Amino acid sequence: MAHFAKLDENNKVIRVSVVDNSNILDSSGNESEEIGIAYLKSIHGADTNWKQTSYNNNIRGTFAGIDYIYDAVKDVFYPPQPYASWTLDESKWYWQPPVPFPQDGKIYTWNEQTTSWVEKVE
């Protein structure tokens, strides 16, 4: 199975579709992103925009999800920024907090006002 992300006009992922491998093979039996995109356009409309994404993160950074961003220059997907203070780690394509998550086994939530982890007390 192959996975494809449908993008809106701002390169934001609005859908992820699974396509059977038989619908992405060229005449030599090789997988082709272009054939997969043509297949999806035949179903969803010629004016739709699709990019293949990899469940195993083999291509384009991370596996695309709804609201993820596709960076056409770097040819990668990454999740939306969770907080204004977090920065994008371009080696892994995930957002990193300015303070590392505590490794003491407790449950924490992020406080953007103090830019710190706050222990969740029940």
Protein backbone atom coordinates (compact mmCIF):
# COMPACT_ATOMS: atom_id res chain seq x y z
CA MET A 1 0.00 0.00 0.00
CA ALA A 2 1.13 3.51 -0.80
CA HIS A 3 0.09 6.67 1.02
CA PHE A 4 -0.57 10.06 -0.52
CA ALA A 5 -1.29 13.41 1.11
CA LYS A 6 -3.80 15.78 -0.46
CA LEU A 7 -2.65 19.40 -0.09
CA ASP A 8 -4.62 22.63 -0.04
CA GLU A 9 -3.51 25.85 -1.72
CA ASN A 10 -1.15 26.57 1.22
CA ASN A 11 0.49 23.12 1.15
CA LYS A 12 -1.39 22.06 4.26
CA VAL A 13 -2.41 18.39 4.38
CA ILE A 14 -6.18 18.02 4.26
CA ARG A 15 -6.38 14.27 3.63
CA VAL A 16 -4.18 11.17 3.55
CA SER A 17 -5.27 8.40 1.20
CA VAL A 18 -4.12 4.81 0.87
CA VAL A 19 -3.64 3.54 -2.68
CA ASP A 20 -3.26 -0.11 -3.59
CA ASN A 21 0.17 -0.85 -5.08
CA SER A 22 -1.47 -2.08 -8.27
CA ASN A 23 -2.57 1.51 -8.92
CA ILE A 24 0.94 2.99 -8.75
CA LEU A 25 2.93 0.58 -10.92
CA ASP A 26 4.44 1.51 -14.26
CA SER A 27 4.62 -0.88 -17.24
CA SER A 28 7.80 -2.42 -15.80
CA GLY A 29 6.19 -3.12 -12.43
CA ASN A 30 8.02 -0.31 -10.61
CA GLU A 31 6.25 1.98 -8.16
CA SER A 32 5.68 5.47 -9.55
CA GLU A 33 4.55 8.48 -7.56
CA GLU A 34 3.37 10.15 -10.77
CA ILE A 35 1.10 7.21 -11.62
CA GLY A 36 -0.31 7.25 -8.09
CA ILE A 37 -1.01 10.97 -8.34
CA ALA A 38 -2.69 10.51 -11.74
CA TYR A 39 -4.84 7.74 -10.24
CA LEU A 40 -5.93 9.97 -7.33
CA LYS A 41 -6.64 12.91 -9.65
CA SER A 42 -8.86 10.64 -11.75
CA ILE A 43 -10.94 9.99 -8.63
CA HIS A 44 -10.77 13.33 -6.78
CA GLY A 45 -10.38 15.81 -9.63
CA ALA A 46 -7.63 17.06 -11.90
CA ASP A 47 -7.24 20.24 -9.86
CA THR A 48 -6.19 18.38 -6.69
CA ASN A 49 -2.61 18.43 -5.40
CA TRP A 50 -1.03 15.22 -4.06
CA LYS A 51 2.37 14.16 -2.70
CA GLN A 52 3.40 10.68 -1.68
CA THR A 53 4.21 10.17 1.97
CA SER A 54 5.92 7.25 3.66
CA TYR A 55 4.48 5.39 6.63
CA ASN A 56 8.06 4.29 7.41
CA ASN A 57 9.43 7.85 7.03
CA ASN A 58 11.51 6.73 4.03
CA ILE A 59 10.72 9.87 2.07
CA ARG A 60 9.79 13.47 2.83
CA GLY A 61 10.69 13.71 6.50
CA THR A 62 7.76 12.35 8.48
CA PHE A 63 4.55 10.57 7.60
CA ALA A 64 2.01 13.22 6.67
CA GLY A 65 -1.04 13.74 8.83
CA ILE A 66 -4.01 16.08 8.72
CA ASP A 67 -2.86 19.72 9.19
CA TYR A 68 0.79 18.83 8.53
CA ILE A 69 2.71 21.20 6.30
CA TYR A 70 4.46 20.25 3.08
CA ASP A 71 7.60 22.32 2.49
CA ALA A 72 8.06 22.27 -1.30
CA VAL A 73 11.59 23.71 -1.12
CA LYS A 74 12.88 21.04 1.28
CA ASP A 75 10.45 18.39 -0.02
CA VAL A 76 9.34 17.31 3.47
CA PHE A 77 6.25 17.05 5.65
CA TYR A 78 6.21 18.23 9.24
CA PRO A 79 3.52 18.70 11.90
CA PRO A 80 1.99 22.07 12.76
CA GLN A 81 3.84 24.13 15.34
CA PRO A 82 2.32 23.29 18.74
CA TYR A 83 3.56 26.43 20.54
CA ALA A 84 5.16 29.68 19.43
CA SER A 85 8.28 29.04 21.52
CA TRP A 86 9.03 25.64 19.96
CA THR A 87 11.51 25.33 17.09
CA LEU A 88 11.57 22.91 14.20
CA ASP A 89 14.32 20.28 14.37
CA GLU A 90 15.11 19.83 10.69
CA SER A 91 17.08 16.64 11.33
CA LYS A 92 13.91 14.84 12.51
CA TRP A 93 11.16 17.22 11.28
CA TYR A 94 9.51 17.55 14.68
CA TRP A 95 9.03 20.57 16.91
CA GLN A 96 11.26 20.80 19.96
CA PRO A 97 10.49 22.72 23.15
CA PRO A 98 13.02 25.27 24.40
CA VAL A 99 13.34 23.14 27.56
CA PRO A 100 13.71 19.35 27.31
CA PHE A 101 10.91 17.17 28.63
CA PRO A 102 11.70 15.97 32.19
CA GLN A 103 12.80 12.34 32.33
CA ASP A 104 11.62 11.52 35.85
CA GLY A 105 8.57 9.42 34.93
CA LYS A 106 6.03 12.04 36.03
CA ILE A 107 3.28 13.48 33.83
CA TYR A 108 3.80 17.03 32.56
CA THR A 109 2.05 19.58 30.40
CA TRP A 110 3.62 22.48 28.56
CA ASN A 111 3.02 26.03 29.86
CA GLU A 112 3.64 28.46 27.03
CA GLN A 113 3.46 31.53 29.29
CA THR A 114 6.39 30.36 31.41
CA THR A 115 7.95 28.26 28.63
CA SER A 116 8.33 25.36 31.02
CA TRP A 117 7.00 21.92 31.80
CA VAL A 118 4.50 21.82 34.66
CA GLU A 119 3.83 18.64 36.56
CA LYS A 120 0.27 17.47 36.24
CA VAL A 121 -1.18 16.81 39.69
CA GLU A 122 -4.40 14.85 40.06
